[in-house]
N, C-alpha and C. Protein backbone atom coordinates (compact mmCIF):
# COMPACT_ATOMS: atom_id res chain seq x y z
N MET A 1 21.26 -7.11 110.55
CA MET A 1 21.42 -8.27 109.73
C MET A 1 20.49 -7.23 108.30
N LYS A 2 21.62 -7.21 107.20
CA LYS A 2 21.02 -6.51 106.24
C LYS A 2 19.57 -7.31 105.70
N LYS A 3 18.97 -6.33 105.08
CA LYS A 3 17.50 -7.11 104.33
C LYS A 3 17.90 -7.58 102.98
N LYS A 4 16.90 -8.52 102.94
CA LYS A 4 17.47 -9.23 101.53
C LYS A 4 15.63 -9.05 100.73
N GLU A 5 15.95 -8.75 99.29
CA GLU A 5 15.16 -8.22 98.53
C GLU A 5 15.52 -9.04 96.84
N GLN A 6 14.51 -9.43 96.30
CA GLN A 6 14.70 -9.80 95.23
C GLN A 6 13.96 -9.59 94.03
N THR A 7 14.42 -8.89 93.02
CA THR A 7 14.06 -7.58 92.07
C THR A 7 14.13 -8.68 90.57
N PRO A 8 12.74 -9.15 89.86
CA PRO A 8 13.07 -9.62 88.63
C PRO A 8 12.84 -8.20 87.80
N GLY A 9 13.22 -7.99 87.18
CA GLY A 9 13.48 -7.44 86.16
C GLY A 9 13.64 -7.47 84.57
N ILE A 10 14.07 -6.36 83.72
CA ILE A 10 13.92 -6.15 82.23
C ILE A 10 15.12 -5.61 81.46
N LEU A 11 15.92 -5.83 80.66
CA LEU A 11 16.96 -5.01 80.11
C LEU A 11 17.04 -5.07 78.78
N ALA A 12 16.58 -3.97 77.99
CA ALA A 12 16.33 -3.53 76.52
C ALA A 12 17.45 -2.84 76.18
N ILE A 13 18.10 -4.01 75.35
CA ILE A 13 19.89 -4.06 74.29
C ILE A 13 18.77 -2.92 73.38
N ILE A 14 18.75 -1.91 72.94
CA ILE A 14 18.34 -0.82 72.08
C ILE A 14 19.18 -0.67 70.83
N LYS A 15 19.16 -1.78 69.35
CA LYS A 15 19.99 -1.40 68.58
C LYS A 15 19.31 -0.73 67.27
N ARG A 16 19.92 0.16 66.84
CA ARG A 16 19.75 0.88 66.00
C ARG A 16 21.63 1.31 65.10
N ASP A 17 21.22 1.06 63.82
CA ASP A 17 22.58 0.82 62.80
C ASP A 17 23.35 0.35 63.31
N ASN A 18 23.52 -0.55 63.55
CA ASN A 18 24.74 -1.36 63.86
C ASN A 18 25.19 -0.97 65.34
N LYS A 19 24.52 -0.06 65.99
CA LYS A 19 24.90 0.44 67.43
C LYS A 19 23.99 0.05 68.30
N PHE A 20 24.67 0.50 69.63
CA PHE A 20 23.49 -0.03 70.85
C PHE A 20 23.17 1.63 71.48
N LEU A 21 22.05 1.23 72.55
CA LEU A 21 21.92 2.81 73.29
C LEU A 21 22.64 2.49 74.43
N PHE A 22 23.49 3.47 74.78
CA PHE A 22 24.06 3.11 76.33
C PHE A 22 23.74 4.67 76.89
N THR A 23 22.86 4.60 77.82
CA THR A 23 22.58 5.75 78.76
C THR A 23 23.64 5.81 79.93
N LYS A 24 24.36 6.97 80.69
CA LYS A 24 25.08 7.20 81.48
C LYS A 24 24.24 7.93 82.71
N ARG A 25 24.11 6.95 83.82
CA ARG A 25 23.34 7.43 85.09
C ARG A 25 23.90 8.73 85.46
N SER A 26 22.76 9.38 85.95
CA SER A 26 22.56 10.15 86.79
C SER A 26 23.97 10.63 88.05
N SER A 27 24.72 11.51 87.98
CA SER A 27 26.01 11.58 89.19
C SER A 27 25.22 11.29 90.16
N LYS A 28 23.81 11.90 89.95
CA LYS A 28 22.94 12.52 91.88
C LYS A 28 22.21 10.44 92.08
N SER A 29 22.56 9.44 91.46
CA SER A 29 21.58 8.28 91.25
C SER A 29 22.62 7.70 93.04
N ARG A 30 21.49 6.74 93.29
CA ARG A 30 21.67 6.40 94.86
C ARG A 30 22.68 5.04 94.02
N PHE A 31 22.21 4.52 92.83
CA PHE A 31 23.13 3.10 92.30
C PHE A 31 23.62 3.30 91.67
N GLU A 32 25.42 3.05 91.38
CA GLU A 32 26.00 3.31 90.25
C GLU A 32 26.21 4.54 89.63
N PRO A 33 26.30 5.69 90.34
CA PRO A 33 25.99 7.36 89.44
C PRO A 33 27.06 7.19 88.33
N GLY A 34 27.10 8.15 87.25
CA GLY A 34 27.75 8.36 86.52
C GLY A 34 28.40 7.08 85.59
N LYS A 35 27.74 5.73 85.57
CA LYS A 35 28.26 4.91 84.73
C LYS A 35 27.23 4.43 83.87
N TRP A 36 27.85 3.87 82.91
CA TRP A 36 26.68 3.50 81.43
C TRP A 36 26.34 2.03 81.70
N GLY A 37 24.96 2.09 80.73
CA GLY A 37 24.27 0.58 80.64
C GLY A 37 23.34 0.99 79.77
N PHE A 38 22.40 -0.33 79.76
CA PHE A 38 21.70 -0.65 79.01
C PHE A 38 20.09 -0.02 79.70
N VAL A 39 19.17 0.43 78.69
CA VAL A 39 18.06 0.70 79.33
C VAL A 39 17.33 -0.57 80.26
N GLY A 40 17.38 -0.37 81.41
CA GLY A 40 16.49 -1.75 82.35
C GLY A 40 15.88 -1.20 83.16
N GLU A 41 14.80 -1.93 83.68
CA GLU A 41 13.91 -1.25 84.61
C GLU A 41 12.99 -2.83 85.34
N ALA A 42 12.82 -2.40 86.53
CA ALA A 42 12.32 -3.40 87.43
C ALA A 42 10.91 -3.80 87.15
N LEU A 43 10.61 -5.21 86.91
CA LEU A 43 9.15 -5.54 86.69
C LEU A 43 8.11 -5.13 87.82
N LEU A 44 6.85 -4.79 87.63
CA LEU A 44 6.17 -4.76 88.62
C LEU A 44 5.58 -5.48 89.04
N PHE A 45 5.24 -5.82 90.43
CA PHE A 45 4.38 -7.54 90.64
C PHE A 45 3.06 -7.23 89.57
N GLY A 46 3.66 -8.59 88.93
CA GLY A 46 2.32 -9.43 88.11
C GLY A 46 2.47 -8.93 87.51
N GLU A 47 3.52 -7.46 86.90
CA GLU A 47 3.26 -7.11 84.94
C GLU A 47 3.99 -8.38 84.16
N ASP A 48 3.09 -7.99 82.96
CA ASP A 48 3.81 -9.21 81.68
C ASP A 48 5.17 -8.51 81.26
N ILE A 49 6.23 -9.06 80.85
CA ILE A 49 7.63 -8.96 80.91
C ILE A 49 7.74 -7.98 79.56
N ILE A 50 6.51 -8.07 78.55
CA ILE A 50 6.87 -7.32 77.36
C ILE A 50 6.40 -5.77 77.73
N ASP A 51 4.79 -5.69 78.77
CA ASP A 51 4.58 -4.70 78.66
C ASP A 51 5.49 -3.83 79.63
N GLY A 52 6.29 -4.76 80.65
CA GLY A 52 7.41 -3.60 81.21
C GLY A 52 8.80 -3.59 80.53
N LEU A 53 8.43 -4.34 80.03
CA LEU A 53 9.80 -3.94 78.72
C LEU A 53 9.55 -2.63 77.68
N LYS A 54 8.51 -2.66 77.39
CA LYS A 54 7.48 -1.32 76.83
C LYS A 54 7.68 -0.12 77.54
N ARG A 55 7.03 -0.34 78.76
CA ARG A 55 6.99 0.91 79.80
C ARG A 55 8.27 1.29 80.27
N GLY A 56 9.59 0.63 80.60
CA GLY A 56 10.81 0.83 81.16
C GLY A 56 11.43 1.52 79.97
N ILE A 57 11.39 1.40 78.40
CA ILE A 57 11.79 1.68 77.85
C ILE A 57 11.21 3.36 77.14
N LYS A 58 9.70 3.24 77.25
CA LYS A 58 9.29 4.72 77.52
C LYS A 58 9.62 5.45 78.47
N GLU A 59 9.15 5.33 79.80
CA GLU A 59 9.66 5.81 81.06
C GLU A 59 11.01 6.39 80.67
N GLU A 60 12.21 5.76 80.42
CA GLU A 60 13.33 6.41 80.61
C GLU A 60 13.81 6.89 79.46
N VAL A 61 13.89 6.19 78.08
CA VAL A 61 14.25 6.92 77.09
C VAL A 61 13.55 7.35 76.42
N ASN A 62 11.81 7.53 75.88
CA ASN A 62 11.06 7.77 75.64
C ASN A 62 10.87 7.51 74.37
N LEU A 63 11.43 6.20 73.83
CA LEU A 63 10.92 5.67 72.55
C LEU A 63 9.90 4.65 72.78
N ASP A 64 9.50 4.04 71.32
CA ASP A 64 8.50 3.19 71.51
C ASP A 64 8.86 1.91 70.80
N LEU A 65 8.68 0.98 71.52
CA LEU A 65 8.94 -0.45 71.18
C LEU A 65 8.71 -0.85 69.82
N LYS A 66 9.42 -0.95 68.74
CA LYS A 66 8.58 -1.66 67.59
C LYS A 66 8.84 -3.61 67.38
N SER A 67 9.94 -3.68 67.89
CA SER A 67 10.54 -5.37 67.75
C SER A 67 11.49 -5.71 68.68
N TRP A 68 11.05 -6.84 69.16
CA TRP A 68 12.23 -6.98 70.08
C TRP A 68 12.56 -9.11 69.97
N ASP A 69 13.81 -9.28 70.50
CA ASP A 69 13.99 -10.71 70.52
C ASP A 69 14.33 -11.25 71.40
N PHE A 70 14.06 -12.18 72.23
CA PHE A 70 15.06 -12.72 73.75
C PHE A 70 16.74 -13.04 73.02
N PHE A 71 17.46 -12.07 74.34
CA PHE A 71 18.69 -12.35 74.22
C PHE A 71 19.42 -13.28 75.21
N ASN A 72 19.01 -12.61 76.41
CA ASN A 72 19.91 -13.86 77.54
C ASN A 72 19.25 -13.09 78.88
N VAL A 73 19.49 -14.42 79.98
CA VAL A 73 18.99 -13.93 81.41
C VAL A 73 20.30 -13.67 82.28
N TYR A 74 19.89 -12.62 83.12
CA TYR A 74 20.88 -12.29 83.67
C TYR A 74 20.58 -12.47 85.24
N SER A 75 21.77 -13.02 86.31
CA SER A 75 21.45 -12.95 87.83
C SER A 75 22.79 -12.36 88.33
N TYR A 76 21.86 -11.47 89.24
CA TYR A 76 23.43 -10.37 90.36
C TYR A 76 22.46 -10.32 91.57
N VAL A 77 23.68 -10.25 92.37
CA VAL A 77 23.21 -9.77 93.61
C VAL A 77 24.26 -8.94 93.55
N PHE A 78 23.62 -7.25 94.31
CA PHE A 78 24.13 -6.54 94.84
C PHE A 78 24.06 -5.79 96.08
N ASP A 79 25.10 -5.18 96.40
CA ASP A 79 24.88 -4.85 98.18
C ASP A 79 24.70 -3.37 98.21
N SER A 80 24.40 -2.88 99.02
CA SER A 80 24.33 -1.38 99.29
C SER A 80 24.28 -1.06 101.09
N ASP A 81 24.85 0.07 101.54
CA ASP A 81 24.47 -0.28 103.17
C ASP A 81 23.16 -0.88 103.95
N ASP A 82 22.28 -1.09 103.20
CA ASP A 82 21.28 -1.54 104.28
C ASP A 82 20.36 -2.61 103.41
N LYS A 83 21.24 -3.05 102.39
CA LYS A 83 20.13 -4.21 101.93
C LYS A 83 21.19 -5.08 100.77
N THR A 84 20.86 -6.14 100.73
CA THR A 84 21.27 -7.16 99.60
C THR A 84 20.44 -7.20 98.49
N ARG A 85 20.42 -6.74 97.61
CA ARG A 85 19.44 -7.16 96.67
C ARG A 85 19.88 -8.76 95.06
N HIS A 86 19.13 -9.46 95.00
CA HIS A 86 19.61 -10.50 93.76
C HIS A 86 18.72 -9.78 92.98
N THR A 87 19.23 -9.51 91.79
CA THR A 87 18.11 -9.40 90.49
C THR A 87 18.48 -10.78 89.48
N VAL A 88 17.11 -10.59 88.80
CA VAL A 88 16.89 -11.56 87.68
C VAL A 88 16.52 -10.89 86.29
N LEU A 89 17.64 -10.26 85.48
CA LEU A 89 17.19 -9.44 84.20
C LEU A 89 17.00 -10.47 83.04
N ILE A 90 15.80 -10.28 82.53
CA ILE A 90 15.42 -10.45 81.32
C ILE A 90 15.88 -9.87 80.06
N ALA A 91 16.47 -10.10 79.51
CA ALA A 91 17.34 -9.27 78.20
C ALA A 91 16.92 -9.76 76.87
N TYR A 92 16.47 -8.24 76.55
CA TYR A 92 15.88 -8.62 74.99
C TYR A 92 16.90 -7.61 74.09
N ILE A 93 16.89 -8.19 72.99
CA ILE A 93 17.38 -7.20 71.50
C ILE A 93 15.99 -6.11 71.19
N CYS A 94 15.95 -5.15 70.93
CA CYS A 94 15.22 -4.23 70.91
C CYS A 94 15.10 -3.21 69.41
N GLU A 95 14.16 -2.99 69.16
CA GLU A 95 14.56 -1.72 67.63
C GLU A 95 12.94 -0.99 67.95
N CYS A 96 13.38 0.33 68.49
CA CYS A 96 12.85 1.11 68.37
C CYS A 96 12.32 2.11 67.78
N GLU A 97 11.29 3.21 68.03
CA GLU A 97 10.90 4.17 67.09
C GLU A 97 11.03 5.18 67.91
N GLY A 98 11.08 6.77 67.36
CA GLY A 98 11.55 7.73 68.22
C GLY A 98 12.80 8.34 68.47
N GLU A 99 12.70 9.51 69.12
CA GLU A 99 14.12 10.42 69.15
C GLU A 99 13.87 9.96 70.60
N VAL A 100 15.34 9.80 71.08
CA VAL A 100 15.71 9.46 72.25
C VAL A 100 15.31 11.20 73.59
N ARG A 101 15.19 10.79 74.70
CA ARG A 101 14.58 11.83 75.58
C ARG A 101 14.81 11.25 77.03
N LEU A 102 15.51 11.31 77.47
CA LEU A 102 16.34 11.08 78.48
C LEU A 102 15.38 11.30 79.91
N ASN A 103 14.84 10.59 81.08
CA ASN A 103 14.65 10.69 82.03
C ASN A 103 15.14 11.43 83.17
N ARG A 104 14.99 11.84 84.17
CA ARG A 104 16.12 12.03 85.38
C ARG A 104 17.10 11.37 85.84
N GLU A 105 16.76 9.70 85.70
CA GLU A 105 17.72 9.14 86.05
C GLU A 105 18.99 9.00 84.93
N SER A 106 19.11 9.68 83.93
CA SER A 106 20.29 9.48 83.06
C SER A 106 20.26 10.94 82.86
N GLU A 107 21.73 11.26 82.70
CA GLU A 107 22.42 12.51 82.19
C GLU A 107 23.16 12.66 80.92
N ASP A 108 22.95 11.19 80.42
CA ASP A 108 24.10 11.61 78.84
C ASP A 108 23.41 10.46 78.01
N TYR A 109 23.13 10.11 76.68
CA TYR A 109 23.48 8.88 76.17
C TYR A 109 23.94 8.96 74.86
N LYS A 110 24.53 8.24 74.46
CA LYS A 110 25.11 7.57 73.33
C LYS A 110 24.99 6.38 72.37
N TRP A 111 25.20 6.63 71.15
CA TRP A 111 25.06 5.08 70.64
C TRP A 111 26.37 4.54 70.30
N PHE A 112 26.50 3.53 70.39
CA PHE A 112 28.20 2.63 70.43
C PHE A 112 27.77 1.55 70.04
N THR A 113 29.11 1.13 69.20
CA THR A 113 29.50 -0.34 68.88
C THR A 113 29.31 -1.14 69.77
N VAL A 114 29.61 -2.42 69.62
CA VAL A 114 29.75 -3.45 70.76
C VAL A 114 31.25 -2.85 71.46
N GLU A 115 32.01 -2.91 70.28
CA GLU A 115 33.40 -2.49 70.79
C GLU A 115 33.74 -1.09 71.26
N GLU A 116 32.94 -0.29 70.89
CA GLU A 116 33.11 1.09 71.99
C GLU A 116 32.74 0.43 73.18
N GLY A 117 31.46 -0.10 73.20
CA GLY A 117 30.95 -0.32 74.56
C GLY A 117 31.95 -0.99 75.67
N LYS A 118 32.83 -1.72 74.92
CA LYS A 118 33.73 -2.42 75.90
C LYS A 118 34.90 -1.45 76.63
N GLY A 119 34.94 -0.39 76.35
CA GLY A 119 35.56 1.06 76.86
C GLY A 119 35.13 1.46 78.06
N LEU A 120 33.57 1.31 78.41
CA LEU A 120 33.16 2.64 79.07
C LEU A 120 33.15 2.08 80.46
N ASN A 121 32.66 3.20 81.08
CA ASN A 121 32.54 2.21 82.48
C ASN A 121 30.82 2.09 82.85
N LEU A 122 31.21 0.77 82.92
CA LEU A 122 29.68 0.14 82.79
C LEU A 122 29.22 0.18 84.26
N ILE A 123 27.69 0.12 84.24
CA ILE A 123 27.33 -0.82 85.37
C ILE A 123 27.52 -1.93 85.80
N LYS A 124 27.36 -2.67 87.04
CA LYS A 124 27.99 -4.20 86.80
C LYS A 124 26.85 -4.78 86.14
N GLY A 125 27.10 -6.07 85.44
CA GLY A 125 26.80 -6.68 85.06
C GLY A 125 26.52 -6.45 83.72
N ASN A 126 26.77 -4.88 83.19
CA ASN A 126 26.71 -4.68 81.78
C ASN A 126 27.66 -5.17 80.91
N ASP A 127 28.70 -5.10 81.99
CA ASP A 127 30.16 -5.71 81.08
C ASP A 127 29.68 -6.96 80.43
N ASP A 128 29.09 -8.13 80.97
CA ASP A 128 28.86 -9.42 80.63
C ASP A 128 27.93 -9.35 79.93
N VAL A 129 26.74 -8.25 79.37
CA VAL A 129 25.79 -7.87 78.24
C VAL A 129 27.14 -8.04 77.07
N VAL A 130 27.65 -6.92 77.28
CA VAL A 130 28.91 -6.54 76.10
C VAL A 130 29.34 -7.73 76.04
N LYS A 131 30.11 -8.01 76.63
CA LYS A 131 31.12 -9.70 75.91
C LYS A 131 30.29 -10.49 75.13
N ASP A 132 28.69 -10.73 75.82
CA ASP A 132 27.60 -11.61 74.59
C ASP A 132 27.37 -10.92 73.69
N LEU A 133 27.21 -9.73 73.73
CA LEU A 133 26.85 -9.13 72.53
C LEU A 133 28.15 -9.58 71.76
N GLU A 134 29.14 -9.12 72.17
CA GLU A 134 30.28 -9.52 71.15
C GLU A 134 30.24 -10.76 70.55
N LYS A 135 30.42 -11.94 71.26
CA LYS A 135 30.19 -13.23 70.96
C LYS A 135 29.19 -13.17 69.92
N PHE A 136 27.66 -12.95 70.06
CA PHE A 136 27.00 -12.95 68.94
C PHE A 136 27.16 -12.34 68.12
N PHE A 137 27.40 -11.17 68.16
CA PHE A 137 27.07 -10.48 66.75
C PHE A 137 28.59 -10.75 65.87
N ASN A 138 29.43 -11.43 66.70
CA ASN A 138 30.79 -11.50 65.81
C ASN A 138 31.05 -13.13 65.14
N ASN A 139 29.82 -13.53 65.25
CA ASN A 139 29.62 -15.37 65.01
C ASN A 139 28.27 -15.35 63.93
N SER A 140 27.89 -14.18 63.66
CA SER A 140 26.72 -14.51 63.21
C SER A 140 26.50 -13.98 62.09
């Protein structure tokens, strides 16, 4: 029987000049290698959500969080060889300062419009986020 694990996390939808930051997972990654997605990070036990958001952005892309707005909550179940993980992601649209510098988890990044993001090979669940962004920004 597979081990079951539940993980709360954050998703930083980083916006700049009407484009969004997507990172490409390392081809050596155990999770969704070579796929594109938003900056995401598991929350540490007892960690404040906004502290986790700041930490995740800094660790993954070396940017400093300037402002944030709650966007949505997503829930996904992922299967791997040895476990099933239920992840609940709290998504924020973020403005950040600084220049992007990737950590070892990612091998590339680009700023894409929502329309361009729809054509990417996305990490599981990120397609739902892109669809929601399209609805939100086309109706505002």
